[in-house]
């Protein structure tokens, strides 16, 4: 993405759609990303490479999660 990184895109999405759930994907391991401060500890993450099945499974998991800040619209 030439104009923004993933965190910046996520912030913009959160401003526009506060209830949106975001799943970050990267070729880096979760440990490396956490160490570099790229993502907060509670951010949803999927490491590349992944299969279509593992992507679908992870999306279902993220969508199924309940959080206190979410309300039914």
PDB file of N, CA and C in Angstrom:
ATOM      1  N   UNK A   1       0.849  -1.163   0.000  1.00  0.00           N
ATOM      2  CA  UNK A   1       0.000   0.000   0.000  1.00  0.00           C
ATOM      3  C   UNK A   1       0.900   1.233   0.000  1.00  0.00           C
ATOM      4  N   UNK A   2       0.856   1.977  -1.025  1.00  0.00           N
ATOM      5  CA  UNK A   2       1.809   3.086  -1.126  1.00  0.00           C
ATOM      6  C   UNK A   2       1.543   4.250  -0.174  1.00  0.00           C
ATOM      7  N   UNK A   3       0.305   4.506   0.206  1.00  0.00           N
ATOM      8  CA  UNK A   3       0.006   5.696   1.002  1.00  0.00           C
ATOM      9  C   UNK A   3      -0.178   5.432   2.493  1.00  0.00           C
ATOM     10  N   UNK A   4      -0.485   4.186   2.870  1.00  0.00           N
ATOM     11  CA  UNK A   4      -0.741   3.864   4.276  1.00  0.00           C
ATOM     12  C   UNK A   4      -0.227   2.468   4.581  1.00  0.00           C
ATOM     13  N   UNK A   5       0.099   2.250   5.857  1.00  0.00           N
ATOM     14  CA  UNK A   5       0.411   0.886   6.272  1.00  0.00           C
ATOM     15  C   UNK A   5      -0.866   0.253   6.835  1.00  0.00           C
ATOM     16  N   UNK A   6      -0.797  -1.003   7.214  1.00  0.00           N
ATOM     17  CA  UNK A   6      -1.970  -1.722   7.688  1.00  0.00           C
ATOM     18  C   UNK A   6      -2.611  -1.126   8.923  1.00  0.00           C
ATOM     19  N   UNK A   7      -1.799  -0.661   9.847  1.00  0.00           N
ATOM     20  CA  UNK A   7      -2.354  -0.035  11.058  1.00  0.00           C
ATOM     21  C   UNK A   7      -3.131   1.221  10.723  1.00  0.00           C
ATOM     22  N   UNK A   8      -2.612   2.026   9.798  1.00  0.00           N
ATOM     23  CA  UNK A   8      -3.306   3.252   9.412  1.00  0.00           C
ATOM     24  C   UNK A   8      -4.633   2.941   8.726  1.00  0.00           C
ATOM     25  N   UNK A   9      -4.625   1.939   7.866  1.00  0.00           N
ATOM     26  CA  UNK A   9      -5.869   1.519   7.213  1.00  0.00           C
ATOM     27  C   UNK A   9      -6.871   1.057   8.267  1.00  0.00           C
ATOM     28  N   UNK A  10      -6.419   0.272   9.236  1.00  0.00           N
ATOM     29  CA  UNK A  10      -7.305  -0.224  10.295  1.00  0.00           C
ATOM     30  C   UNK A  10      -7.894   0.928  11.098  1.00  0.00           C
ATOM     31  N   UNK A  11      -7.105   1.934  11.397  1.00  0.00           N
ATOM     32  CA  UNK A  11      -7.617   3.103  12.132  1.00  0.00           C
ATOM     33  C   UNK A  11      -8.708   3.819  11.337  1.00  0.00           C
ATOM     34  N   UNK A  12      -8.481   3.981  10.044  1.00  0.00           N
ATOM     35  CA  UNK A  12      -9.486   4.635   9.202  1.00  0.00           C
ATOM     36  C   UNK A  12     -10.771   3.816   9.143  1.00  0.00           C
ATOM     37  N   UNK A  13     -10.621   2.516   9.010  1.00  0.00           N
ATOM     38  CA  UNK A  13     -11.797   1.641   8.981  1.00  0.00           C
ATOM     39  C   UNK A  13     -12.550   1.741  10.302  1.00  0.00           C
ATOM     40  N   UNK A  14     -11.828   1.734  11.407  1.00  0.00           N
ATOM     41  CA  UNK A  14     -12.459   1.809  12.725  1.00  0.00           C
ATOM     42  C   UNK A  14     -13.213   3.120  12.920  1.00  0.00           C
ATOM     43  N   UNK A  15     -12.709   4.191  12.340  1.00  0.00           N
ATOM     44  CA  UNK A  15     -13.413   5.469  12.434  1.00  0.00           C
ATOM     45  C   UNK A  15     -14.708   5.439  11.620  1.00  0.00           C
ATOM     46  N   UNK A  16     -14.637   4.820  10.447  1.00  0.00           N
ATOM     47  CA  UNK A  16     -15.809   4.756   9.581  1.00  0.00           C
ATOM     48  C   UNK A  16     -16.811   3.709  10.032  1.00  0.00           C
ATOM     49  N   UNK A  17     -16.307   2.584  10.494  1.00  0.00           N
ATOM     50  CA  UNK A  17     -17.131   1.448  10.910  1.00  0.00           C
ATOM     51  C   UNK A  17     -16.627   0.909  12.236  1.00  0.00           C
ATOM     52  N   UNK A  18     -17.041   1.516  13.344  1.00  0.00           N
ATOM     53  CA  UNK A  18     -16.508   1.106  14.652  1.00  0.00           C
ATOM     54  C   UNK A  18     -16.728  -0.370  14.987  1.00  0.00           C
ATOM     55  N   UNK A  19     -17.733  -0.996  14.425  1.00  0.00           N
ATOM     56  CA  UNK A  19     -18.004  -2.407  14.729  1.00  0.00           C
ATOM     57  C   UNK A  19     -17.246  -3.371  13.818  1.00  0.00           C
ATOM     58  N   UNK A  20     -16.515  -2.849  12.858  1.00  0.00           N
ATOM     59  CA  UNK A  20     -15.786  -3.715  11.922  1.00  0.00           C
ATOM     60  C   UNK A  20     -14.733  -4.525  12.669  1.00  0.00           C
ATOM     61  N   UNK A  21     -14.587  -5.743  12.272  1.00  0.00           N
ATOM     62  CA  UNK A  21     -13.534  -6.600  12.829  1.00  0.00           C
ATOM     63  C   UNK A  21     -12.424  -6.673  11.800  1.00  0.00           C
ATOM     64  N   UNK A  22     -11.216  -6.599  12.260  1.00  0.00           N
ATOM     65  CA  UNK A  22     -10.066  -6.516  11.362  1.00  0.00           C
ATOM     66  C   UNK A  22      -9.126  -7.671  11.646  1.00  0.00           C
ATOM     67  N   UNK A  23      -8.698  -8.312  10.581  1.00  0.00           N
ATOM     68  CA  UNK A  23      -7.758  -9.426  10.653  1.00  0.00           C
ATOM     69  C   UNK A  23      -6.509  -9.033   9.882  1.00  0.00           C
ATOM     70  N   UNK A  24      -5.403  -8.895  10.576  1.00  0.00           N
ATOM     71  CA  UNK A  24      -4.146  -8.558   9.930  1.00  0.00           C
ATOM     72  C   UNK A  24      -3.482  -9.826   9.413  1.00  0.00           C
ATOM     73  N   UNK A  25      -2.804  -9.685   8.271  1.00  0.00           N
ATOM     74  CA  UNK A  25      -2.052 -10.791   7.693  1.00  0.00           C
ATOM     75  C   UNK A  25      -0.652 -10.304   7.363  1.00  0.00           C
ATOM     76  N   UNK A  26       0.342 -11.162   7.577  1.00  0.00           N
ATOM     77  CA  UNK A  26       1.719 -10.788   7.289  1.00  0.00           C
ATOM     78  C   UNK A  26       2.569 -12.043   7.141  1.00  0.00           C
ATOM     79  N   UNK A  27       3.659 -11.880   6.454  1.00  0.00           N
ATOM     80  CA  UNK A  27       4.639 -12.947   6.335  1.00  0.00           C
ATOM     81  C   UNK A  27       5.534 -13.044   7.558  1.00  0.00           C
ATOM     82  N   UNK A  28       5.523 -12.004   8.397  1.00  0.00           N
ATOM     83  CA  UNK A  28       6.284 -12.035   9.638  1.00  0.00           C
ATOM     84  C   UNK A  28       5.550 -12.873  10.677  1.00  0.00           C
ATOM     85  N   UNK A  29       6.294 -13.440  11.612  1.00  0.00           N
ATOM     86  CA  UNK A  29       5.651 -14.186  12.692  1.00  0.00           C
ATOM     87  C   UNK A  29       4.993 -13.208  13.663  1.00  0.00           C
ATOM     88  N   UNK A  30       4.029 -13.697  14.410  1.00  0.00           N
ATOM     89  CA  UNK A  30       3.344 -12.853  15.397  1.00  0.00           C
ATOM     90  C   UNK A  30       4.330 -12.312  16.421  1.00  0.00           C
ATOM     91  N   UNK A  31       5.325 -13.105  16.801  1.00  0.00           N
ATOM     92  CA  UNK A  31       6.323 -12.659  17.777  1.00  0.00           C
ATOM     93  C   UNK A  31       7.122 -11.471  17.248  1.00  0.00           C
ATOM     94  N   UNK A  32       7.523 -11.541  15.990  1.00  0.00           N
ATOM     95  CA  UNK A  32       8.297 -10.444  15.397  1.00  0.00           C
ATOM     96  C   UNK A  32       7.449  -9.186  15.324  1.00  0.00           C
ATOM     97  N   UNK A  33       6.212  -9.329  14.912  1.00  0.00           N
ATOM     98  CA  UNK A  33       5.331  -8.167  14.808  1.00  0.00           C
ATOM     99  C   UNK A  33       5.083  -7.550  16.182  1.00  0.00           C
ATOM    100  N   UNK A  34       4.848  -8.371  17.185  1.00  0.00           N
ATOM    101  CA  UNK A  34       4.638  -7.862  18.538  1.00  0.00           C
ATOM    102  C   UNK A  34       5.905  -7.167  19.050  1.00  0.00           C
ATOM    103  N   UNK A  35       7.053  -7.764  18.802  1.00  0.00           N
ATOM    104  CA  UNK A  35       8.321  -7.192  19.244  1.00  0.00           C
ATOM    105  C   UNK A  35       8.558  -5.826  18.608  1.00  0.00           C
ATOM    106  N   UNK A  36       8.227  -5.706  17.337  1.00  0.00           N
ATOM    107  CA  UNK A  36       8.425  -4.443  16.620  1.00  0.00           C
ATOM    108  C   UNK A  36       7.353  -3.409  16.951  1.00  0.00           C
ATOM    109  N   UNK A  37       6.337  -3.812  17.700  1.00  0.00           N
ATOM    110  CA  UNK A  37       5.286  -2.875  18.072  1.00  0.00           C
ATOM    111  C   UNK A  37       4.328  -2.572  16.939  1.00  0.00           C
ATOM    112  N   UNK A  38       4.267  -3.462  15.964  1.00  0.00           N
ATOM    113  CA  UNK A  38       3.401  -3.244  14.806  1.00  0.00           C
ATOM    114  C   UNK A  38       1.925  -3.375  15.166  1.00  0.00           C
ATOM    115  N   UNK A  39       1.601  -4.313  16.046  1.00  0.00           N
ATOM    116  CA  UNK A  39       0.211  -4.565  16.402  1.00  0.00           C
ATOM    117  C   UNK A  39       0.069  -4.678  17.916  1.00  0.00           C
ATOM    118  N   UNK A  40      -1.079  -4.286  18.399  1.00  0.00           N
ATOM    119  CA  UNK A  40      -1.362  -4.443  19.815  1.00  0.00           C
ATOM    120  C   UNK A  40      -1.554  -5.930  20.120  1.00  0.00           C
ATOM    121  N   UNK A  41      -1.457  -6.286  21.374  1.00  0.00           N
ATOM    122  CA  UNK A  41      -1.502  -7.694  21.778  1.00  0.00           C
ATOM    123  C   UNK A  41      -2.837  -8.368  21.452  1.00  0.00           C
ATOM    124  N   UNK A  42      -3.924  -7.616  21.467  1.00  0.00           N
ATOM    125  CA  UNK A  42      -5.239  -8.226  21.258  1.00  0.00           C
ATOM    126  C   UNK A  42      -5.712  -8.186  19.803  1.00  0.00           C
ATOM    127  N   UNK A  43      -4.847  -7.812  18.884  1.00  0.00           N
ATOM    128  CA  UNK A  43      -5.213  -7.725  17.467  1.00  0.00           C
ATOM    129  C   UNK A  43      -5.262  -9.118  16.855  1.00  0.00           C
ATOM    130  N   UNK A  44      -6.239  -9.321  16.005  1.00  0.00           N
ATOM    131  CA  UNK A  44      -6.370 -10.603  15.314  1.00  0.00           C
ATOM    132  C   UNK A  44      -5.340 -10.675  14.190  1.00  0.00           C
ATOM    133  N   UNK A  45      -4.726 -11.838  14.040  1.00  0.00           N
ATOM    134  CA  UNK A  45      -3.582 -11.966  13.138  1.00  0.00           C
ATOM    135  C   UNK A  45      -3.563 -13.334  12.485  1.00  0.00           C
ATOM    136  N   UNK A  46      -3.162 -13.364  11.221  1.00  0.00           N
ATOM    137  CA  UNK A  46      -2.981 -14.611  10.489  1.00  0.00           C
ATOM    138  C   UNK A  46      -1.650 -14.529   9.753  1.00  0.00           C
ATOM    139  N   UNK A  47      -0.801 -15.505   9.989  1.00  0.00           N
ATOM    140  CA  UNK A  47       0.526 -15.502   9.377  1.00  0.00           C
ATOM    141  C   UNK A  47       0.488 -16.130   7.998  1.00  0.00           C
ATOM    142  N   UNK A  48       1.160 -15.496   7.048  1.00  0.00           N
ATOM    143  CA  UNK A  48       1.313 -16.049   5.703  1.00  0.00           C
ATOM    144  C   UNK A  48       2.445 -17.062   5.731  1.00  0.00           C
ATOM    145  N   UNK A  49       2.477 -18.034   4.882  1.00  0.00           N
ATOM    146  CA  UNK A  49       1.416 -18.361   3.927  1.00  0.00           C
ATOM    147  C   UNK A  49       0.286 -19.099   4.634  1.00  0.00           C
ATOM    148  N   UNK A  50      -0.898 -19.009   4.064  1.00  0.00           N
ATOM    149  CA  UNK A  50      -2.038 -19.725   4.601  1.00  0.00           C
ATOM    150  C   UNK A  50      -2.846 -20.292   3.444  1.00  0.00           C
ATOM    151  N   UNK A  51      -3.613 -21.306   3.754  1.00  0.00           N
ATOM    152  CA  UNK A  51      -4.460 -21.932   2.742  1.00  0.00           C
ATOM    153  C   UNK A  51      -5.818 -21.232   2.718  1.00  0.00           C
ATOM    154  N   UNK A  52      -6.573 -21.402   1.642  1.00  0.00           N
ATOM    155  CA  UNK A  52      -7.928 -20.845   1.634  1.00  0.00           C
ATOM    156  C   UNK A  52      -8.761 -21.357   2.803  1.00  0.00           C
ATOM    157  N   UNK A  53      -8.597 -22.633   3.151  1.00  0.00           N
ATOM    158  CA  UNK A  53      -9.348 -23.189   4.281  1.00  0.00           C
ATOM    159  C   UNK A  53      -8.959 -22.540   5.607  1.00  0.00           C
ATOM    160  N   UNK A  54      -7.660 -22.327   5.820  1.00  0.00           N
ATOM    161  CA  UNK A  54      -7.243 -21.716   7.082  1.00  0.00           C
ATOM    162  C   UNK A  54      -7.666 -20.247   7.141  1.00  0.00           C
ATOM    163  N   UNK A  55      -7.695 -19.556   6.011  1.00  0.00           N
ATOM    164  CA  UNK A  55      -8.189 -18.183   5.980  1.00  0.00           C
ATOM    165  C   UNK A  55      -9.675 -18.152   6.326  1.00  0.00           C
ATOM    166  N   UNK A  56     -10.448 -19.012   5.702  1.00  0.00           N
ATOM    167  CA  UNK A  56     -11.887 -19.069   5.984  1.00  0.00           C
ATOM    168  C   UNK A  56     -12.153 -19.404   7.444  1.00  0.00           C
ATOM    169  N   UNK A  57     -11.399 -20.360   7.991  1.00  0.00           N
ATOM    170  CA  UNK A  57     -11.559 -20.748   9.397  1.00  0.00           C
ATOM    171  C   UNK A  57     -11.236 -19.573  10.318  1.00  0.00           C
ATOM    172  N   UNK A  58     -10.156 -18.857  10.022  1.00  0.00           N
ATOM    173  CA  UNK A  58      -9.759 -17.724  10.867  1.00  0.00           C
ATOM    174  C   UNK A  58     -10.780 -16.589  10.788  1.00  0.00           C
ATOM    175  N   UNK A  59     -11.316 -16.336   9.615  1.00  0.00           N
ATOM    176  CA  UNK A  59     -12.353 -15.312   9.469  1.00  0.00           C
ATOM    177  C   UNK A  59     -13.582 -15.683  10.283  1.00  0.00           C
ATOM    178  N   UNK A  60     -13.984 -16.955  10.211  1.00  0.00           N
ATOM    179  CA  UNK A  60     -15.136 -17.396  11.021  1.00  0.00           C
ATOM    180  C   UNK A  60     -14.870 -17.195  12.509  1.00  0.00           C
ATOM    181  N   UNK A  61     -13.650 -17.503  12.954  1.00  0.00           N
ATOM    182  CA  UNK A  61     -13.303 -17.327  14.366  1.00  0.00           C
ATOM    183  C   UNK A  61     -13.406 -15.858  14.777  1.00  0.00           C
ATOM    184  N   UNK A  62     -12.867 -14.981  13.954  1.00  0.00           N
ATOM    185  CA  UNK A  62     -12.887 -13.555  14.280  1.00  0.00           C
ATOM    186  C   UNK A  62     -14.319 -13.030  14.289  1.00  0.00           C
ATOM    187  N   UNK A  63     -15.118 -13.430  13.328  1.00  0.00           N
ATOM    188  CA  UNK A  63     -16.501 -12.965  13.270  1.00  0.00           C
ATOM    189  C   UNK A  63     -17.347 -13.515  14.409  1.00  0.00           C
ATOM    190  N   UNK A  64     -16.990 -14.677  14.937  1.00  0.00           N
ATOM    191  CA  UNK A  64     -17.755 -15.306  16.010  1.00  0.00           C
ATOM    192  C   UNK A  64     -17.426 -14.721  17.377  1.00  0.00           C
ATOM    193  N   UNK A  65     -16.343 -13.983  17.498  1.00  0.00           N
ATOM    194  CA  UNK A  65     -15.936 -13.454  18.793  1.00  0.00           C
ATOM    195  C   UNK A  65     -16.888 -12.381  19.271  1.00  0.00           C
ATOM    196  N   UNK A  66     -17.083 -12.368  20.564  1.00  0.00           N
ATOM    197  CA  UNK A  66     -17.907 -11.343  21.215  1.00  0.00           C
ATOM    198  C   UNK A  66     -16.978 -10.421  21.988  1.00  0.00           C
ATOM    199  N   UNK A  67     -17.266  -9.143  21.945  1.00  0.00           N
ATOM    200  CA  UNK A  67     -16.513  -8.196  22.763  1.00  0.00           C
ATOM    201  C   UNK A  67     -17.496  -7.287  23.477  1.00  0.00           C
ATOM    202  N   UNK A  68     -17.083  -6.740  24.587  1.00  0.00           N
ATOM    203  CA  UNK A  68     -17.928  -5.853  25.370  1.00  0.00           C
ATOM    204  C   UNK A  68     -18.298  -4.588  24.617  1.00  0.00           C
ATOM    205  N   UNK A  69     -17.434  -4.152  23.698  1.00  0.00           N
ATOM    206  CA  UNK A  69     -17.679  -2.891  23.007  1.00  0.00           C
ATOM    207  C   UNK A  69     -18.647  -3.034  21.833  1.00  0.00           C
ATOM    208  N   UNK A  70     -19.090  -4.251  21.545  1.00  0.00           N
ATOM    209  CA  UNK A  70     -19.952  -4.478  20.400  1.00  0.00           C
ATOM    210  C   UNK A  70     -21.396  -4.579  20.860  1.00  0.00           C
ATOM    211  N   UNK A  71     -22.268  -4.005  20.078  1.00  0.00           N
ATOM    212  CA  UNK A  71     -23.695  -4.143  20.335  1.00  0.00           C
ATOM    213  C   UNK A  71     -24.370  -4.520  19.036  1.00  0.00           C
ATOM    214  N   UNK A  72     -25.487  -5.197  19.140  1.00  0.00           N
ATOM    215  CA  UNK A  72     -26.212  -5.553  17.931  1.00  0.00           C
ATOM    216  C   UNK A  72     -26.853  -4.330  17.336  1.00  0.00           C
ATOM    217  N   UNK A  73     -26.700  -4.181  16.049  1.00  0.00           N
ATOM    218  CA  UNK A  73     -27.286  -3.026  15.359  1.00  0.00           C
ATOM    219  C   UNK A  73     -28.643  -3.393  14.802  1.00  0.00           C
TER     220      UNK A  73
END
